[in-house]
C-alpha atoms as a PDB file:
ATOM      1  CA  MET A   1    -168.068-110.951  72.123  1.00  0.00           C
ATOM      2  CA  LYS A   2    -165.856-112.101  69.319  1.00  0.00           C
ATOM      3  CA  ARG A   3    -165.961-110.502  65.960  1.00  0.00           C
ATOM      4  CA  ALA A   4    -167.005-112.874  63.154  1.00  0.00           C
ATOM      5  CA  ARG A   5    -164.035-113.773  60.886  1.00  0.00           C
ATOM      6  CA  LYS A   6    -164.350-113.029  57.304  1.00  0.00           C
ATOM      7  CA  PRO A   7    -164.749-116.043  55.082  1.00  0.00           C
ATOM      8  CA  LYS A   8    -161.641-116.942  52.994  1.00  0.00           C
ATOM      9  CA  TRP A   9    -161.468-118.440  49.519  1.00  0.00           C
ATOM     10  CA  SER A  10    -159.636-121.686  49.119  1.00  0.00           C
ATOM     11  CA  PHE A  11    -157.935-122.865  45.837  1.00  0.00           C
ATOM     12  CA  VAL A  12    -157.186-126.590  45.504  1.00  0.00           C
ATOM     13  CA  VAL A  13    -154.601-127.628  43.063  1.00  0.00           C
ATOM     14  CA  LEU A  14    -154.776-131.256  42.007  1.00  0.00           C
ATOM     15  CA  ARG A  15    -151.607-132.301  40.230  1.00  0.00           C
ATOM     16  CA  GLY A  16    -152.526-135.895  39.691  1.00  0.00           C
ATOM     17  CA  ALA A  17    -154.046-139.024  41.298  1.00  0.00           C
ATOM     18  CA  ASP A  18    -150.897-139.966  43.061  1.00  0.00           C
ATOM     19  CA  LYS A  19    -149.783-136.456  43.967  1.00  0.00           C
ATOM     20  CA  THR A  20    -150.511-134.471  46.962  1.00  0.00           C
ATOM     21  CA  VAL A  21    -153.200-131.850  46.953  1.00  0.00           C
ATOM     22  CA  LYS A  22    -152.125-128.164  47.287  1.00  0.00           C
ATOM     23  CA  GLN A  23    -154.656-125.820  48.894  1.00  0.00           C
ATOM     24  CA  PHE A  24    -154.311-122.068  48.919  1.00  0.00           C
ATOM     25  CA  HIS A  25    -156.322-119.710  50.912  1.00  0.00           C
ATOM     26  CA  VAL A  26    -156.927-116.165  49.766  1.00  0.00           C
ATOM     27  CA  SER A  27    -159.112-113.578  51.090  1.00  0.00           C
ATOM     28  CA  LYS A  28    -162.129-112.251  49.296  1.00  0.00           C
ATOM     29  CA  ARG A  29    -160.524-108.865  48.926  1.00  0.00           C
ATOM     30  CA  PHE A  30    -157.656-110.485  47.022  1.00  0.00           C
ATOM     31  CA  VAL A  31    -160.013-112.235  44.736  1.00  0.00           C
ATOM     32  CA  PHE A  32    -161.488-108.998  43.654  1.00  0.00           C
ATOM     33  CA  ALA A  33    -158.282-106.876  43.703  1.00  0.00           C
ATOM     34  CA  ALA A  34    -156.182-109.198  41.640  1.00  0.00           C
ATOM     35  CA  PRO A  35    -158.214-108.905  38.415  1.00  0.00           C
ATOM     36  CA  THR A  36    -158.506-105.135  38.944  1.00  0.00           C
ATOM     37  CA  ALA A  37    -154.733-104.977  39.262  1.00  0.00           C
ATOM     38  CA  ILE A  38    -154.297-107.032  36.217  1.00  0.00           C
ATOM     39  CA  VAL A  39    -156.688-104.892  34.313  1.00  0.00           C
ATOM     40  CA  LEU A  40    -154.954-101.813  35.486  1.00  0.00           C
ATOM     41  CA  ALA A  41    -151.553-103.270  34.567  1.00  0.00           C
ATOM     42  CA  VAL A  42    -152.705-104.243  31.096  1.00  0.00           C
ATOM     43  CA  SER A  43    -154.361-100.796  30.610  1.00  0.00           C
ATOM     44  CA  GLY A  44    -151.232 -99.064  31.753  1.00  0.00           C
ATOM     45  CA  SER A  45    -149.152-101.211  29.374  1.00  0.00           C
ATOM     46  CA  ILE A  46    -151.462-100.399  26.525  1.00  0.00           C
ATOM     47  CA  THR A  47    -151.401 -96.720  27.451  1.00  0.00           C
ATOM     48  CA  GLY A  48    -147.534 -96.738  27.576  1.00  0.00           C
ATOM     49  CA  LEU A  49    -147.383 -98.487  24.197  1.00  0.00           C
ATOM     50  CA  GLN A  50    -149.755 -95.828  22.761  1.00  0.00           C
ATOM     51  CA  LEU A  51    -147.696 -92.993  24.214  1.00  0.00           C
ATOM     52  CA  LYS A  52    -144.541 -94.577  22.795  1.00  0.00           C
ATOM     53  CA  SER A  53    -146.075 -95.148  19.369  1.00  0.00           C
ATOM     54  CA  TYR A  54    -147.421 -91.490  19.409  1.00  0.00           C
ATOM     55  CA  TYR A  55    -143.949 -90.155  20.291  1.00  0.00           C
ATOM     56  CA  GLU A  56    -142.235 -92.288  17.654  1.00  0.00           C
ATOM     57  CA  LEU A  57    -144.889 -91.275  15.086  1.00  0.00           C
ATOM     58  CA  ASN A  58    -144.177 -87.559  15.927  1.00  0.00           C
ATOM     59  CA  GLN A  59    -140.510 -88.313  15.502  1.00  0.00           C
ATOM     60  CA  LEU A  60    -141.085 -89.889  12.140  1.00  0.00           C
ATOM     61  CA  GLU A  61    -143.304 -87.058  11.039  1.00  0.00           C
ATOM     62  CA  ALA A  62    -140.691 -84.538  11.989  1.00  0.00           C
ATOM     63  CA  ALA A  63    -137.943 -86.436  10.163  1.00  0.00           C
ATOM     64  CA  LEU A  64    -140.173 -86.801   7.194  1.00  0.00           C
ATOM     65  CA  SER A  65    -140.924 -83.023   7.156  1.00  0.00           C
ATOM     66  CA  GLU A  66    -137.260 -82.305   7.465  1.00  0.00           C
ATOM     67  CA  GLN A  67    -136.473 -84.612   4.558  1.00  0.00           C
ATOM     68  CA  GLU A  68    -139.325 -83.091   2.475  1.00  0.00           C
ATOM     69  CA  LEU A  69    -137.908 -79.598   3.137  1.00  0.00           C
ATOM     70  CA  LEU A  70    -134.420 -80.785   2.164  1.00  0.00           C
ATOM     71  CA  PHE A  71    -135.719 -82.360  -0.969  1.00  0.00           C
ATOM     72  CA  SER A  72    -137.669 -79.218  -1.842  1.00  0.00           C
ATOM     73  CA  GLU A  73    -134.565 -77.040  -1.379  1.00  0.00           C
ATOM     74  CA  THR A  74    -132.466 -79.578  -3.487  1.00  0.00           C
ATOM     75  CA  LEU A  75    -135.177 -79.462  -6.312  1.00  0.00           C
ATOM     76  CA  SER A  76    -135.210 -75.685  -6.070  1.00  0.00           C
ATOM     77  CA  GLY A  77    -131.409 -75.553  -6.362  1.00  0.00           C
ATOM     78  CA  LYS A  78    -131.552 -77.989  -9.268  1.00  0.00           C
ATOM     79  CA  ASP A  79    -134.167 -75.868 -11.011  1.00  0.00           C
ATOM     80  CA  LYS A  80    -131.929 -72.739 -10.541  1.00  0.00           C
ATOM     81  CA  ALA A  81    -128.959 -74.621 -11.810  1.00  0.00           C
ATOM     82  CA  ILE A  82    -130.927 -75.810 -14.855  1.00  0.00           C
ATOM     83  CA  HIS A  83    -132.133 -72.271 -15.505  1.00  0.00           C
ATOM     84  CA  THR A  84    -128.604 -70.905 -15.207  1.00  0.00           C
ATOM     85  CA  LEU A  85    -127.339 -73.569 -17.656  1.00  0.00           C
ATOM     86  CA  GLN A  86    -130.092 -72.721 -20.045  1.00  0.00           C
ATOM     87  CA  GLN A  87    -129.119 -69.061 -19.908  1.00  0.00           C
ATOM     88  CA  ASP A  88    -125.389 -69.922 -20.343  1.00  0.00           C
ATOM     89  CA  LEU A  89    -126.292 -72.096 -23.345  1.00  0.00           C
ATOM     90  CA  ILE A  90    -128.289 -69.146 -24.830  1.00  0.00           C
ATOM     91  CA  GLY A  91    -125.375 -66.765 -24.164  1.00  0.00           C
ATOM     92  CA  LEU A  92    -122.934 -69.246 -25.711  1.00  0.00           C
ATOM     93  CA  SER A  93    -125.181 -69.646 -28.748  1.00  0.00           C
ATOM     94  CA  GLN A  94    -125.306 -65.880 -29.218  1.00  0.00           C
ATOM     95  CA  GLN A  95    -121.470 -65.623 -28.678  1.00  0.00           C
ATOM     96  CA  THR A  96    -121.016 -68.268 -31.255  1.00  0.00           C
ATOM     97  CA  ASN A  97    -123.185 -66.559 -33.815  1.00  0.00           C
ATOM     98  CA  GLU A  98    -121.399 -63.342 -33.171  1.00  0.00           C
ATOM     99  CA  MET A  99    -118.068 -65.050 -33.453  1.00  0.00           C
ATOM    100  CA  LYS A 100    -119.147 -66.601 -36.780  1.00  0.00           C
ATOM    101  CA  LYS A 101    -120.073 -63.225 -38.133  1.00  0.00           C
ATOM    102  CA  LYS A 102    -116.840 -61.651 -36.922  1.00  0.00           C
ATOM    103  CA  MET A 103    -114.732 -64.531 -38.326  1.00  0.00           C
ATOM    104  CA  GLU A 104    -116.550 -64.012 -41.716  1.00  0.00           C
ATOM    105  CA  ALA A 105    -115.857 -60.332 -41.681  1.00  0.00           C
ATOM    106  CA  LEU A 106    -112.233 -61.048 -40.789  1.00  0.00           C
ATOM    107  CA  GLN A 107    -111.865 -63.516 -43.671  1.00  0.00           C
ATOM    108  CA  GLN A 108    -113.291 -60.754 -45.919  1.00  0.00           C
ATOM    109  CA  LEU A 109    -110.739 -58.308 -44.537  1.00  0.00           C
ATOM    110  CA  GLU A 110    -108.029 -60.965 -44.906  1.00  0.00           C
ATOM    111  CA  LEU A 111    -108.939 -61.612 -48.490  1.00  0.00           C
ATOM    112  CA  ARG A 112    -108.881 -57.970 -49.390  1.00  0.00           C
ATOM    113  CA  LEU A 113    -105.498 -57.616 -47.703  1.00  0.00           C
ATOM    114  CA  LYS A 114    -104.102 -60.523 -49.595  1.00  0.00           C
ATOM    115  CA  GLN A 115    -105.421 -59.111 -52.836  1.00  0.00           C
ATOM    116  CA  PHE A 116    -103.770 -55.772 -51.945  1.00  0.00           C
ATOM    117  CA  ILE A 117    -100.353 -57.420 -51.053  1.00  0.00           C
ATOM    118  CA  TYR A 118    -100.553 -59.660 -54.167  1.00  0.00           C
ATOM    119  CA  GLN A 119    -101.044 -56.528 -56.392  1.00  0.00           C
ATOM    120  CA  TYR A 120     -98.703 -54.066 -54.583  1.00  0.00           C
ATOM    121  CA  GLY A 121     -96.551 -55.810 -52.065  1.00  0.00           C
ATOM    122  CA  ASP A 122     -93.538 -56.889 -54.194  1.00  0.00           C
ATOM    123  CA  ARG A 123     -93.645 -53.628 -56.148  1.00  0.00           C
ATOM    124  CA  LEU A 124     -93.398 -51.502 -53.030  1.00  0.00           C
ATOM    125  CA  ASP A 125     -90.595 -53.582 -51.410  1.00  0.00           C
ATOM    126  CA  SER A 126     -88.548 -53.748 -54.634  1.00  0.00           C
ATOM    127  CA  SER A 127     -89.238 -50.086 -55.583  1.00  0.00           C
ATOM    128  CA  SER A 128     -88.182 -48.811 -52.156  1.00  0.00           C
ATOM    129  CA  GLU A 129     -84.844 -50.634 -52.565  1.00  0.00           C
ATOM    130  CA  ARG A 130     -84.245 -49.961 -56.215  1.00  0.00           C
ATOM    131  CA  VAL A 131     -85.341 -46.311 -56.523  1.00  0.00           C
ATOM    132  CA  PRO A 132     -83.881 -43.981 -53.819  1.00  0.00           C
ATOM    133  CA  ILE A 133     -85.777 -40.637 -53.869  1.00  0.00           C
ATOM    134  CA  SER A 134     -82.486 -38.771 -53.794  1.00  0.00           C
ATOM    135  CA  ASP A 135     -81.519 -40.305 -57.206  1.00  0.00           C
ATOM    136  CA  MET A 136     -84.785 -39.181 -58.813  1.00  0.00           C
ATOM    137  CA  ILE A 137     -85.038 -35.612 -57.472  1.00  0.00           C
ATOM    138  CA  PRO A 138     -82.243 -33.040 -57.057  1.00  0.00           C
ATOM    139  CA  PRO A 139     -81.098 -32.612 -53.310  1.00  0.00           C
ATOM    140  CA  ALA A 140     -82.825 -29.259 -52.935  1.00  0.00           C
ATOM    141  CA  GLN A 141     -86.089 -30.803 -54.078  1.00  0.00           C
ATOM    142  CA  THR A 142     -85.975 -34.150 -52.210  1.00  0.00           C
ATOM    143  CA  THR A 143     -89.266 -35.147 -50.807  1.00  0.00           C
ATOM    144  CA  SER A 144     -90.756 -38.411 -49.548  1.00  0.00           C
ATOM    145  CA  LEU A 145     -93.104 -39.895 -52.188  1.00  0.00           C
ATOM    146  CA  LEU A 146     -93.527 -43.126 -50.331  1.00  0.00           C
ATOM    147  CA  PRO A 147     -93.217 -42.653 -46.516  1.00  0.00           C
ATOM    148  CA  ASP A 148     -91.470 -45.265 -44.454  1.00  0.00           C
ATOM    149  CA  ALA A 149     -94.625 -45.665 -42.453  1.00  0.00           C
ATOM    150  CA  SER A 150     -96.453 -46.813 -45.628  1.00  0.00           C
ATOM    151  CA  ILE A 151     -93.900 -49.523 -46.337  1.00  0.00           C
ATOM    152  CA  GLN A 152     -93.845 -50.519 -42.663  1.00  0.00           C
ATOM    153  CA  SER A 153     -97.677 -50.752 -42.669  1.00  0.00           C
ATOM    154  CA  LEU A 154     -97.400 -53.062 -45.755  1.00  0.00           C
ATOM    155  CA  ASN A 155     -94.877 -55.263 -43.940  1.00  0.00           C
ATOM    156  CA  TYR A 156     -97.248 -55.341 -41.018  1.00  0.00           C
ATOM    157  CA  ILE A 157    -100.057 -56.403 -43.363  1.00  0.00           C
ATOM    158  CA  LYS A 158     -97.957 -59.328 -44.598  1.00  0.00           C
ATOM    159  CA  GLU A 159     -97.195 -60.473 -41.052  1.00  0.00           C
ATOM    160  CA  SER A 160    -100.810 -60.103 -40.038  1.00  0.00           C
ATOM    161  CA  VAL A 161    -102.582 -62.083 -42.799  1.00  0.00           C
ATOM    162  CA  PRO A 162    -103.165 -65.556 -41.287  1.00  0.00           C
ATOM    163  CA  PHE A 163    -105.389 -64.327 -38.352  1.00  0.00           C
ATOM    164  CA  SER A 164    -108.256 -66.782 -38.964  1.00  0.00           C
ATOM    165  CA  LEU A 165    -105.787 -69.681 -39.010  1.00  0.00           C
ATOM    166  CA  LEU A 166    -104.370 -68.565 -35.680  1.00  0.00           C
ATOM    167  CA  ALA A 167    -107.885 -68.419 -34.214  1.00  0.00           C
ATOM    168  CA  GLN A 168    -108.654 -71.965 -35.474  1.00  0.00           C
ATOM    169  CA  LYS A 169    -105.451 -73.485 -34.109  1.00  0.00           C
ATOM    170  CA  THR A 170    -105.486 -71.758 -30.735  1.00  0.00           C
ATOM    171  CA  ASP A 171    -107.300 -73.574 -27.798  1.00  0.00           C
ATOM    172  CA  VAL A 172    -109.050 -70.706 -26.136  1.00  0.00           C
ATOM    173  CA  THR A 173    -112.466 -69.946 -24.647  1.00  0.00           C
ATOM    174  CA  LEU A 174    -115.112 -68.172 -26.439  1.00  0.00           C
ATOM    175  CA  THR A 175    -114.733 -65.070 -24.380  1.00  0.00           C
ATOM    176  CA  THR A 176    -111.005 -64.914 -25.001  1.00  0.00           C
ATOM    177  CA  LEU A 177    -111.592 -65.634 -28.747  1.00  0.00           C
ATOM    178  CA  ASP A 178    -114.217 -62.832 -28.873  1.00  0.00           C
ATOM    179  CA  SER A 179    -111.743 -60.450 -27.293  1.00  0.00           C
ATOM    180  CA  ILE A 180    -109.020 -61.547 -29.782  1.00  0.00           C
ATOM    181  CA  ALA A 181    -111.454 -61.119 -32.695  1.00  0.00           C
ATOM    182  CA  ASP A 182    -112.254 -57.592 -31.518  1.00  0.00           C
ATOM    183  CA  THR A 183    -108.686 -56.679 -31.335  1.00  0.00           C
ATOM    184  CA  MET A 184    -108.013 -58.344 -34.646  1.00  0.00           C
ATOM    185  CA  GLU A 185    -111.009 -56.579 -36.320  1.00  0.00           C
ATOM    186  CA  LYS A 186    -109.828 -53.137 -35.197  1.00  0.00           C
ATOM    187  CA  SER A 187    -106.233 -53.889 -36.075  1.00  0.00           C
ATOM    188  CA  MET A 188    -107.089 -55.259 -39.471  1.00  0.00           C
ATOM    189  CA  ALA A 189    -109.530 -52.366 -40.228  1.00  0.00           C
ATOM    190  CA  LEU A 190    -106.804 -49.914 -39.335  1.00  0.00           C
ATOM    191  CA  THR A 191    -104.211 -51.831 -41.396  1.00  0.00           C
ATOM    192  CA  LEU A 192    -106.669 -51.965 -44.392  1.00  0.00           C
ATOM    193  CA  GLU A 193    -107.159 -48.156 -44.112  1.00  0.00           C
ATOM    194  CA  LEU A 194    -103.442 -47.745 -44.104  1.00  0.00           C
ATOM    195  CA  ALA A 195    -103.244 -50.233 -47.055  1.00  0.00           C
ATOM    196  CA  HIS A 196    -105.654 -48.049 -48.976  1.00  0.00           C
ATOM    197  CA  THR A 197    -103.675 -44.937 -48.196  1.00  0.00           C
ATOM    198  CA  THR A 198    -100.496 -46.803 -49.329  1.00  0.00           C
ATOM    199  CA  ARG A 199    -102.171 -48.032 -52.479  1.00  0.00           C
ATOM    200  CA  ALA A 200    -103.345 -44.497 -53.292  1.00  0.00           C
ATOM    201  CA  SER A 201     -99.707 -43.343 -52.923  1.00  0.00           C
ATOM    202  CA  VAL A 202     -98.478 -46.235 -55.112  1.00  0.00           C
ATOM    203  CA  ASP A 203    -101.108 -45.587 -57.761  1.00  0.00           C
ATOM    204  CA  ALA A 204    -100.141 -41.915 -57.864  1.00  0.00           C
ATOM    205  CA  TYR A 205     -96.519 -42.726 -58.224  1.00  0.00           C
ATOM    206  CA  PRO A 206     -95.562 -42.714 -61.992  1.00  0.00           C
ATOM    207  CA  SER A 207     -93.845 -46.108 -62.143  1.00  0.00           C
ATOM    208  CA  ILE A 208     -95.424 -48.051 -64.951  1.00  0.00           C
ATOM    209  CA  TRP A 209     -94.195 -48.037 -68.516  1.00  0.00           C
ATOM    210  CA  PRO A 210     -96.394 -45.692 -70.602  1.00  0.00           C
ATOM    211  CA  THR A 211     -96.168 -47.808 -73.797  1.00  0.00           C
ATOM    212  CA  ARG A 212     -96.093 -51.511 -74.719  1.00  0.00           C
ATOM    213  CA  SER A 213     -92.722 -51.034 -76.236  1.00  0.00           C
ATOM    214  CA  LYS A 214     -89.736 -50.609 -73.876  1.00  0.00           C
ATOM    215  CA  LEU A 215     -87.115 -49.732 -76.420  1.00  0.00           C
ATOM    216  CA  LEU A 216     -85.248 -46.496 -75.727  1.00  0.00           C
ATOM    217  CA  SER A 217     -83.963 -44.411 -78.645  1.00  0.00           C
ATOM    218  CA  SER A 218     -82.734 -41.553 -76.373  1.00  0.00           C
ATOM    219  CA  GLY A 219     -82.111 -41.090 -72.774  1.00  0.00           C
ATOM    220  CA  PHE A 220     -82.260 -38.343 -70.161  1.00  0.00           C
ATOM    221  CA  GLY A 221     -79.606 -35.638 -70.058  1.00  0.00           C
ATOM    222  CA  TYR A 222     -77.305 -34.040 -72.621  1.00  0.00           C
ATOM    223  CA  ARG A 223     -77.176 -35.565 -76.081  1.00  0.00           C
ATOM    224  CA  ARG A 224     -76.525 -34.628 -79.704  1.00  0.00           C
ATOM    225  CA  ASP A 225     -79.733 -33.218 -81.180  1.00  0.00           C
ATOM    226  CA  PRO A 226     -80.715 -35.527 -84.050  1.00  0.00           C
ATOM    227  CA  LEU A 227     -81.870 -32.509 -86.200  1.00  0.00           C
ATOM    228  CA  THR A 228     -79.173 -29.889 -85.516  1.00  0.00           C
ATOM    229  CA  GLY A 229     -76.290 -32.190 -84.463  1.00  0.00           C
ATOM    230  CA  ARG A 230     -75.464 -29.893 -81.555  1.00  0.00           C
ATOM    231  CA  ALA A 231     -75.284 -30.863 -77.899  1.00  0.00           C
ATOM    232  CA  ALA A 232     -78.593 -30.153 -76.134  1.00  0.00           C
ATOM    233  CA  PHE A 233     -80.272 -31.154 -72.822  1.00  0.00           C
ATOM    234  CA  HIS A 234     -82.918 -33.778 -73.388  1.00  0.00           C
ATOM    235  CA  ALA A 235     -85.566 -33.425 -70.525  1.00  0.00           C
ATOM    236  CA  GLY A 236     -87.074 -36.910 -70.881  1.00  0.00           C
ATOM    237  CA  ILE A 237     -86.662 -40.313 -72.649  1.00  0.00           C
ATOM    238  CA  ASP A 238     -87.743 -41.258 -76.111  1.00  0.00           C
ATOM    239  CA  ILE A 239     -89.443 -44.718 -76.487  1.00  0.00           C
ATOM    240  CA  LYS A 240     -89.627 -46.301 -79.938  1.00  0.00           C
ATOM    241  CA  GLY A 241     -92.982 -47.696 -81.103  1.00  0.00           C
ATOM    242  CA  LYS A 242     -95.299 -48.238 -83.926  1.00  0.00           C
ATOM    243  CA  LEU A 243     -97.473 -45.396 -85.137  1.00  0.00           C
ATOM    244  CA  GLY A 244    -100.936 -45.668 -83.476  1.00  0.00           C
ATOM    245  CA  ASP A 245     -99.652 -47.687 -80.500  1.00  0.00           C
ATOM    246  CA  PRO A 246    -101.612 -46.996 -77.231  1.00  0.00           C
ATOM    247  CA  VAL A 247    -100.097 -44.608 -74.715  1.00  0.00           C
ATOM    248  CA  PHE A 248    -100.965 -45.131 -71.098  1.00  0.00           C
ATOM    249  CA  SER A 249    -100.980 -42.980 -68.012  1.00  0.00           C
ATOM    250  CA  ALA A 250     -97.999 -43.870 -65.784  1.00  0.00           C
ATOM    251  CA  ALA A 251    -100.004 -43.232 -62.565  1.00  0.00           C
ATOM    252  CA  ASP A 252    -103.314 -41.875 -61.133  1.00  0.00           C
ATOM    253  CA  GLY A 253    -103.675 -38.150 -61.540  1.00  0.00           C
ATOM    254  CA  THR A 254    -105.622 -35.301 -63.126  1.00  0.00           C
ATOM    255  CA  VAL A 255    -104.977 -34.110 -66.710  1.00  0.00           C
ATOM    256  CA  SER A 256    -103.783 -30.562 -66.291  1.00  0.00           C
ATOM    257  CA  GLU A 257    -102.976 -29.749 -69.899  1.00  0.00           C
ATOM    258  CA  THR A 258    -103.502 -30.913 -73.433  1.00  0.00           C
ATOM    259  CA  GLY A 259    -102.665 -29.203 -76.743  1.00  0.00           C
ATOM    260  CA  PHE A 260    -100.389 -28.985 -79.777  1.00  0.00           C
ATOM    261  CA  ASN A 261     -97.045 -27.351 -80.097  1.00  0.00           C
ATOM    262  CA  SER A 262     -94.876 -27.043 -83.169  1.00  0.00           C
ATOM    263  CA  SER A 263     -91.979 -28.560 -81.262  1.00  0.00           C
ATOM    264  CA  LEU A 264     -93.696 -30.841 -78.826  1.00  0.00           C
ATOM    265  CA  GLY A 265     -96.472 -31.947 -81.197  1.00  0.00           C
ATOM    266  CA  SER A 266     -99.685 -33.196 -79.632  1.00  0.00           C
ATOM    267  CA  TYR A 267     -99.110 -33.539 -75.943  1.00  0.00           C
ATOM    268  CA  ILE A 268    -100.633 -34.375 -72.549  1.00  0.00           C
ATOM    269  CA  VAL A 269     -99.590 -33.303 -68.996  1.00  0.00           C
ATOM    270  CA  ILE A 270    -100.915 -35.159 -65.951  1.00  0.00           C
ATOM    271  CA  ASP A 271    -100.537 -33.912 -62.298  1.00  0.00           C
ATOM    272  CA  HIS A 272     -99.782 -36.540 -59.612  1.00  0.00           C
ATOM    273  CA  LEU A 273     -99.202 -36.413 -55.857  1.00  0.00           C
ATOM    274  CA  GLU A 274     -96.213 -34.735 -54.167  1.00  0.00           C
ATOM    275  CA  GLY A 275     -95.817 -32.170 -56.874  1.00  0.00           C
ATOM    276  CA  LEU A 276     -95.062 -34.765 -59.606  1.00  0.00           C
ATOM    277  CA  GLN A 277     -96.170 -34.465 -63.252  1.00  0.00           C
ATOM    278  CA  SER A 278     -95.838 -36.724 -66.260  1.00  0.00           C
ATOM    279  CA  ALA A 279     -95.836 -35.515 -69.877  1.00  0.00           C
ATOM    280  CA  TYR A 280     -96.477 -37.437 -73.166  1.00  0.00           C
ATOM    281  CA  MET A 281     -95.376 -35.770 -76.349  1.00  0.00           C
ATOM    282  CA  HIS A 282     -95.407 -36.228 -80.191  1.00  0.00           C
ATOM    283  CA  LEU A 283     -98.732 -38.004 -79.966  1.00  0.00           C
ATOM    284  CA  LYS A 284    -100.743 -38.969 -83.022  1.00  0.00           C
ATOM    285  CA  GLU A 285    -104.010 -38.499 -81.172  1.00  0.00           C
ATOM    286  CA  ILE A 286    -105.081 -37.188 -77.731  1.00  0.00           C
ATOM    287  CA  GLU A 287    -107.917 -39.213 -76.029  1.00  0.00           C
ATOM    288  CA  ALA A 288    -107.915 -37.485 -72.613  1.00  0.00           C
ATOM    289  CA  LYS A 289    -109.300 -33.975 -71.813  1.00  0.00           C
ATOM    290  CA  LYS A 290    -108.124 -31.322 -69.499  1.00  0.00           C
ATOM    291  CA  GLY A 291    -109.596 -31.894 -66.000  1.00  0.00           C
ATOM    292  CA  ASP A 292    -110.112 -35.694 -66.526  1.00  0.00           C
ATOM    293  CA  SER A 293    -109.183 -37.924 -63.635  1.00  0.00           C
ATOM    294  CA  VAL A 294    -107.164 -40.876 -65.005  1.00  0.00           C
ATOM    295  CA  VAL A 295    -105.867 -44.049 -63.298  1.00  0.00           C
ATOM    296  CA  ARG A 296    -102.586 -45.795 -63.826  1.00  0.00           C
ATOM    297  CA  GLY A 297    -102.574 -47.857 -67.012  1.00  0.00           C
ATOM    298  CA  GLU A 298    -105.462 -45.975 -68.577  1.00  0.00           C
ATOM    299  CA  LYS A 299    -105.198 -45.250 -72.289  1.00  0.00           C
ATOM    300  CA  ILE A 300    -104.798 -41.522 -72.917  1.00  0.00           C
ATOM    301  CA  GLY A 301    -103.678 -41.274 -76.531  1.00  0.00           C
ATOM    302  CA  LEU A 302    -101.909 -42.837 -79.501  1.00  0.00           C
ATOM    303  CA  LEU A 303     -98.172 -42.907 -80.252  1.00  0.00           C
ATOM    304  CA  GLY A 304     -97.233 -40.669 -83.145  1.00  0.00           C
ATOM    305  CA  SER A 305     -94.510 -38.404 -84.748  1.00  0.00           C
ATOM    306  CA  SER A 306     -96.202 -34.988 -84.504  1.00  0.00           C
ATOM    307  CA  GLY A 307     -94.183 -31.839 -83.910  1.00  0.00           C
ATOM    308  CA  ARG A 308     -90.396 -31.762 -84.153  1.00  0.00           C
ATOM    309  CA  SER A 309     -89.856 -35.501 -84.626  1.00  0.00           C
ATOM    310  CA  THR A 310     -87.760 -37.838 -86.772  1.00  0.00           C
ATOM    311  CA  GLY A 311     -90.029 -40.853 -86.552  1.00  0.00           C
ATOM    312  CA  PRO A 312     -92.807 -42.519 -84.431  1.00  0.00           C
ATOM    313  CA  HIS A 313     -91.855 -42.500 -80.736  1.00  0.00           C
ATOM    314  CA  LEU A 314     -93.104 -41.214 -77.417  1.00  0.00           C
ATOM    315  CA  HIS A 315     -91.192 -38.489 -75.557  1.00  0.00           C
ATOM    316  CA  PHE A 316     -92.028 -39.317 -71.866  1.00  0.00           C
ATOM    317  CA  GLN A 317     -90.974 -36.874 -69.307  1.00  0.00           C
ATOM    318  CA  ILE A 318     -91.394 -36.550 -65.483  1.00  0.00           C
ATOM    319  CA  MET A 319     -91.202 -33.288 -63.572  1.00  0.00           C
ATOM    320  CA  HIS A 320     -91.032 -32.554 -59.891  1.00  0.00           C
ATOM    321  CA  LYS A 321     -92.341 -29.064 -59.033  1.00  0.00           C
ATOM    322  CA  HIS A 322     -92.063 -28.267 -62.780  1.00  0.00           C
ATOM    323  CA  GLU A 323     -88.418 -29.364 -62.928  1.00  0.00           C
ATOM    324  CA  PRO A 324     -87.550 -32.260 -65.191  1.00  0.00           C
ATOM    325  CA  VAL A 325     -86.125 -35.398 -63.419  1.00  0.00           C
ATOM    326  CA  ASN A 326     -84.748 -38.650 -64.866  1.00  0.00           C
ATOM    327  CA  PRO A 327     -87.820 -40.978 -65.491  1.00  0.00           C
ATOM    328  CA  ILE A 328     -85.630 -44.168 -65.642  1.00  0.00           C
ATOM    329  CA  PRO A 329     -85.467 -44.712 -61.814  1.00  0.00           C
ATOM    330  CA  TYR A 330     -89.340 -44.363 -61.621  1.00  0.00           C
ATOM    331  CA  LEU A 331     -89.936 -47.162 -64.123  1.00  0.00           C
ATOM    332  CA  SER A 332     -89.945 -50.865 -63.104  1.00  0.00           C
ATOM    333  CA  LEU A 333     -88.875 -52.342 -66.461  1.00  0.00           C
ATOM    334  CA  ILE A 334     -86.114 -51.064 -68.797  1.00  0.00           C
ATOM    335  CA  LYS A 335     -84.845 -52.479 -72.025  1.00  0.00           C
ATOM    336  CA  GLU A 336     -82.543 -50.300 -74.022  1.00  0.00           C
ATOM    337  CA  ASP A 337     -81.562 -50.635 -77.753  1.00  0.00           C
END
């Protein structure tokens, strides 16, 4: 007995009235399987596209996270850099203020040094060349009244004055300038201290004229005594002047003696540094007292003719360790009759 054949599906394709007809036979299984296969293919394609999209999305999210992390680190670095710059600006501002204060202090030191040099510089230089100590004091009593170190320190001051100009003209960093300012400040402070020491030595050095008049009537050494006519040693110099003219201290010192003597008249003796003394005799009036501290140029009495005198004058005398020395080399201005 023959098995019944399964029915087949036929598809007829009509291409036109004058064309042949195409007929296709397909099984029933194919008719149902084809749509399923198409559905599965479409579903697979959609699933593949979804997987691809999911993968690409994950890749984009990872790249975005990496970029976000990088941007975050960059922003953090920028914040740190900005903070560092702010700290640097604060530090520079503080350094600038400190430098300003130091430069102001240096300018004050410079001004004081200039004033000192203006008042004493030329006097020290010229005095050191014009008045050798050996000419003023006997060889056995030679001593250094103005040490070489004092004169050298004065020359150093002259060479060191324009510090602020050097700082303004030099292209250096604030740190370097700060270091320079520290060194300058220490150096100038030390120099100023040496300058004060030198000034004290100068002020205590009997070198200014004790009267307004600078006319000598008698010099230092042996001469003919105006009263006896005999040769006698004159231990000082006689300076002509008007009765009542002021008499000044030749240097800083301490009044060690005042009084009256029938020969010396009214007199004053002042002690100075290095064993030096100055004496002022035949005064009309004494205005200083024993124990007084006097400064150079200070009025201490009035010119007169007291004691053994032939007319108004000042007998001015300088002693080193109580031995008379020639006052002329000590004085800066001389005008003889």
